[in-house]
Amino acid sequence: MHDRFKQGMATRRAVLGDAHVDRAEAGKSDFDAPFQTMITEGAWGTLWSDDTITKRERSMLTLSLLAATGNFDEIPMHIRATANTGAAPQDVLQAFMHVAVYAGVPKANHAIKLAKQTYAEMGIEL
């Protein structure tokens, strides 16, 4: 196993939590195993493992980019990850406010709706 894969898996678990990663690994098949390896090495082993910026900042950037590009399915997972990255709800709101100005109010509005739902599921009162 490559060092980047090992580092990626460790970072992925630290950010997303063991339960999430265990579920993803259990659902992995021969078909999508190469994709899972690619994102573990690239996204988690390279990008998320780099310490140039904090996990909090990376979390805010990721949520902003997901909202700005309309990749809403990933937002709840990354909202849950804020429990591990240190991005507070107000950090996330600021990120989505940037989305409103630079990428569109409807995208930010939908992202905020998803964040509120996910925080409620997490038992976090806003």
C-alpha atoms as a PDB file:
ATOM      1  CA  MET A   1       0.000   0.000   0.000  1.00  0.00           C
ATOM      2  CA  HIS A   2       1.331   3.442  -0.881  1.00  0.00           C
ATOM      3  CA  ASP A   3       2.304   5.924   1.830  1.00  0.00           C
ATOM      4  CA  ARG A   4      -0.032   8.487   0.265  1.00  0.00           C
ATOM      5  CA  PHE A   5      -2.903   6.008   0.515  1.00  0.00           C
ATOM      6  CA  LYS A   6      -2.117   5.285   4.185  1.00  0.00           C
ATOM      7  CA  GLN A   7      -1.863   8.991   4.969  1.00  0.00           C
ATOM      8  CA  GLY A   8      -5.053   9.628   3.013  1.00  0.00           C
ATOM      9  CA  MET A   9      -6.967   6.973   4.887  1.00  0.00           C
ATOM     10  CA  ALA A  10      -5.757   8.349   8.229  1.00  0.00           C
ATOM     11  CA  THR A  11      -6.757  11.899   7.260  1.00  0.00           C
ATOM     12  CA  ARG A  12     -10.073  10.740   5.801  1.00  0.00           C
ATOM     13  CA  ARG A  13     -10.894   8.974   9.069  1.00  0.00           C
ATOM     14  CA  ALA A  14      -9.820  11.993  11.135  1.00  0.00           C
ATOM     15  CA  VAL A  15     -12.030  14.351   9.105  1.00  0.00           C
ATOM     16  CA  LEU A  16     -15.054  12.214   8.221  1.00  0.00           C
ATOM     17  CA  GLY A  17     -14.987   9.788  11.144  1.00  0.00           C
ATOM     18  CA  ASP A  18     -14.503   6.049  11.323  1.00  0.00           C
ATOM     19  CA  ALA A  19     -18.204   5.233  10.930  1.00  0.00           C
ATOM     20  CA  HIS A  20     -18.483   7.103   7.627  1.00  0.00           C
ATOM     21  CA  VAL A  21     -15.275   5.628   6.218  1.00  0.00           C
ATOM     22  CA  ASP A  22     -16.192   2.128   7.381  1.00  0.00           C
ATOM     23  CA  ARG A  23     -19.563   2.412   5.588  1.00  0.00           C
ATOM     24  CA  ALA A  24     -17.867   3.684   2.423  1.00  0.00           C
ATOM     25  CA  GLU A  25     -15.286   0.898   2.536  1.00  0.00           C
ATOM     26  CA  ALA A  26     -17.989  -1.727   3.101  1.00  0.00           C
ATOM     27  CA  GLY A  27     -19.821  -0.459   0.008  1.00  0.00           C
ATOM     28  CA  LYS A  28     -16.729  -0.494  -2.177  1.00  0.00           C
ATOM     29  CA  SER A  29     -16.730  -2.941  -5.080  1.00  0.00           C
ATOM     30  CA  ASP A  30     -14.222  -4.041  -7.695  1.00  0.00           C
ATOM     31  CA  PHE A  31     -15.904  -1.547 -10.028  1.00  0.00           C
ATOM     32  CA  ASP A  32     -15.322   1.574  -7.918  1.00  0.00           C
ATOM     33  CA  ALA A  33     -12.179   0.508  -6.021  1.00  0.00           C
ATOM     34  CA  PRO A  34      -9.887   2.440  -8.410  1.00  0.00           C
ATOM     35  CA  PHE A  35     -11.970   5.585  -7.849  1.00  0.00           C
ATOM     36  CA  GLN A  36     -11.861   5.112  -4.077  1.00  0.00           C
ATOM     37  CA  THR A  37      -8.077   4.704  -4.225  1.00  0.00           C
ATOM     38  CA  MET A  38      -7.755   7.842  -6.357  1.00  0.00           C
ATOM     39  CA  ILE A  39      -9.766  10.047  -3.974  1.00  0.00           C
ATOM     40  CA  THR A  40      -8.064   8.561  -0.909  1.00  0.00           C
ATOM     41  CA  GLU A  41      -4.623   9.311  -2.336  1.00  0.00           C
ATOM     42  CA  GLY A  42      -5.427  12.590  -4.075  1.00  0.00           C
ATOM     43  CA  ALA A  43      -8.085  14.342  -2.040  1.00  0.00           C
ATOM     44  CA  TRP A  44      -7.214  12.922   1.368  1.00  0.00           C
ATOM     45  CA  GLY A  45      -3.555  11.899   1.069  1.00  0.00           C
ATOM     46  CA  THR A  46      -2.380  14.995  -0.770  1.00  0.00           C
ATOM     47  CA  LEU A  47      -4.809  17.904  -0.427  1.00  0.00           C
ATOM     48  CA  TRP A  48      -6.424  17.338   2.992  1.00  0.00           C
ATOM     49  CA  SER A  49      -3.131  16.071   4.464  1.00  0.00           C
ATOM     50  CA  ASP A  50      -1.231  19.231   3.521  1.00  0.00           C
ATOM     51  CA  ASP A  51      -0.726  21.524   6.503  1.00  0.00           C
ATOM     52  CA  THR A  52      -0.314  24.790   4.588  1.00  0.00           C
ATOM     53  CA  ILE A  53      -3.809  25.760   5.739  1.00  0.00           C
ATOM     54  CA  THR A  54      -5.797  24.418   8.674  1.00  0.00           C
ATOM     55  CA  LYS A  55      -8.481  21.750   8.482  1.00  0.00           C
ATOM     56  CA  ARG A  56     -10.937  24.474   9.551  1.00  0.00           C
ATOM     57  CA  GLU A  57      -9.973  26.632   6.578  1.00  0.00           C
ATOM     58  CA  ARG A  58      -9.988  23.639   4.235  1.00  0.00           C
ATOM     59  CA  SER A  59     -13.440  22.697   5.476  1.00  0.00           C
ATOM     60  CA  MET A  60     -14.761  26.199   4.758  1.00  0.00           C
ATOM     61  CA  LEU A  61     -13.190  26.190   1.295  1.00  0.00           C
ATOM     62  CA  THR A  62     -14.618  22.774   0.508  1.00  0.00           C
ATOM     63  CA  LEU A  63     -18.127  23.720   1.594  1.00  0.00           C
ATOM     64  CA  SER A  64     -17.920  26.957  -0.412  1.00  0.00           C
ATOM     65  CA  LEU A  65     -16.795  25.148  -3.528  1.00  0.00           C
ATOM     66  CA  LEU A  66     -19.434  22.437  -3.159  1.00  0.00           C
ATOM     67  CA  ALA A  67     -22.165  25.051  -2.861  1.00  0.00           C
ATOM     68  CA  ALA A  68     -20.801  27.284  -5.619  1.00  0.00           C
ATOM     69  CA  THR A  69     -20.635  24.388  -8.069  1.00  0.00           C
ATOM     70  CA  GLY A  70     -24.018  22.981  -7.048  1.00  0.00           C
ATOM     71  CA  ASN A  71     -22.620  19.738  -5.636  1.00  0.00           C
ATOM     72  CA  PHE A  72     -25.179  19.703  -2.859  1.00  0.00           C
ATOM     73  CA  ASP A  73     -25.118  15.943  -2.184  1.00  0.00           C
ATOM     74  CA  GLU A  74     -21.684  16.296  -0.546  1.00  0.00           C
ATOM     75  CA  ILE A  75     -22.620  19.203   1.737  1.00  0.00           C
ATOM     76  CA  PRO A  76     -24.200  17.219   4.611  1.00  0.00           C
ATOM     77  CA  MET A  77     -21.138  14.945   4.812  1.00  0.00           C
ATOM     78  CA  HIS A  78     -18.833  17.948   5.019  1.00  0.00           C
ATOM     79  CA  ILE A  79     -21.104  19.711   7.537  1.00  0.00           C
ATOM     80  CA  ARG A  80     -20.836  16.603   9.744  1.00  0.00           C
ATOM     81  CA  ALA A  81     -17.061  16.729   9.259  1.00  0.00           C
ATOM     82  CA  THR A  82     -16.934  20.213  10.796  1.00  0.00           C
ATOM     83  CA  ALA A  83     -17.196  18.476  14.170  1.00  0.00           C
ATOM     84  CA  ASN A  84     -13.674  17.214  13.442  1.00  0.00           C
ATOM     85  CA  THR A  85     -12.243  20.146  11.476  1.00  0.00           C
ATOM     86  CA  GLY A  86     -13.073  22.936  13.892  1.00  0.00           C
ATOM     87  CA  ALA A  87     -15.220  24.935  11.480  1.00  0.00           C
ATOM     88  CA  ALA A  88     -18.010  26.404  13.588  1.00  0.00           C
ATOM     89  CA  PRO A  89     -21.531  27.007  12.263  1.00  0.00           C
ATOM     90  CA  GLN A  90     -20.756  30.732  11.954  1.00  0.00           C
ATOM     91  CA  ASP A  91     -17.664  29.882   9.862  1.00  0.00           C
ATOM     92  CA  VAL A  92     -19.858  27.829   7.565  1.00  0.00           C
ATOM     93  CA  LEU A  93     -22.425  30.611   7.310  1.00  0.00           C
ATOM     94  CA  GLN A  94     -19.678  33.052   6.330  1.00  0.00           C
ATOM     95  CA  ALA A  95     -18.466  30.621   3.672  1.00  0.00           C
ATOM     96  CA  PHE A  96     -21.968  30.343   2.249  1.00  0.00           C
ATOM     97  CA  MET A  97     -22.402  34.129   2.349  1.00  0.00           C
ATOM     98  CA  HIS A  98     -19.338  34.337   0.101  1.00  0.00           C
ATOM     99  CA  VAL A  99     -21.034  31.852  -2.193  1.00  0.00           C
ATOM    100  CA  ALA A 100     -24.097  34.117  -2.323  1.00  0.00           C
ATOM    101  CA  VAL A 101     -22.048  37.117  -3.430  1.00  0.00           C
ATOM    102  CA  TYR A 102     -19.681  35.373  -5.819  1.00  0.00           C
ATOM    103  CA  ALA A 103     -21.671  32.406  -7.142  1.00  0.00           C
ATOM    104  CA  GLY A 104     -25.333  33.098  -6.539  1.00  0.00           C
ATOM    105  CA  VAL A 105     -27.922  33.518  -3.818  1.00  0.00           C
ATOM    106  CA  PRO A 106     -29.961  30.416  -4.775  1.00  0.00           C
ATOM    107  CA  LYS A 107     -26.921  28.154  -4.354  1.00  0.00           C
ATOM    108  CA  ALA A 108     -26.060  29.691  -0.996  1.00  0.00           C
ATOM    109  CA  ASN A 109     -29.683  29.525   0.123  1.00  0.00           C
ATOM    110  CA  HIS A 110     -29.875  25.812  -0.658  1.00  0.00           C
ATOM    111  CA  ALA A 111     -26.532  25.141   1.023  1.00  0.00           C
ATOM    112  CA  ILE A 112     -27.692  26.970   4.169  1.00  0.00           C
ATOM    113  CA  LYS A 113     -30.901  24.914   4.184  1.00  0.00           C
ATOM    114  CA  LEU A 114     -28.834  21.706   4.004  1.00  0.00           C
ATOM    115  CA  ALA A 115     -26.499  22.956   6.734  1.00  0.00           C
ATOM    116  CA  LYS A 116     -29.421  23.763   9.056  1.00  0.00           C
ATOM    117  CA  GLN A 117     -30.934  20.314   8.497  1.00  0.00           C
ATOM    118  CA  THR A 118     -27.615  18.578   9.080  1.00  0.00           C
ATOM    119  CA  TYR A 119     -26.774  20.581  12.207  1.00  0.00           C
ATOM    120  CA  ALA A 120     -30.235  19.725  13.579  1.00  0.00           C
ATOM    121  CA  GLU A 121     -29.558  16.017  12.907  1.00  0.00           C
ATOM    122  CA  MET A 122     -26.240  16.435  14.742  1.00  0.00           C
ATOM    123  CA  GLY A 123     -28.041  17.961  17.724  1.00  0.00           C
ATOM    124  CA  ILE A 124     -26.375  21.337  17.222  1.00  0.00           C
ATOM    125  CA  GLU A 125     -28.678  24.222  18.076  1.00  0.00           C
ATOM    126  CA  LEU A 126     -28.200  27.277  15.884  1.00  0.00           C
END
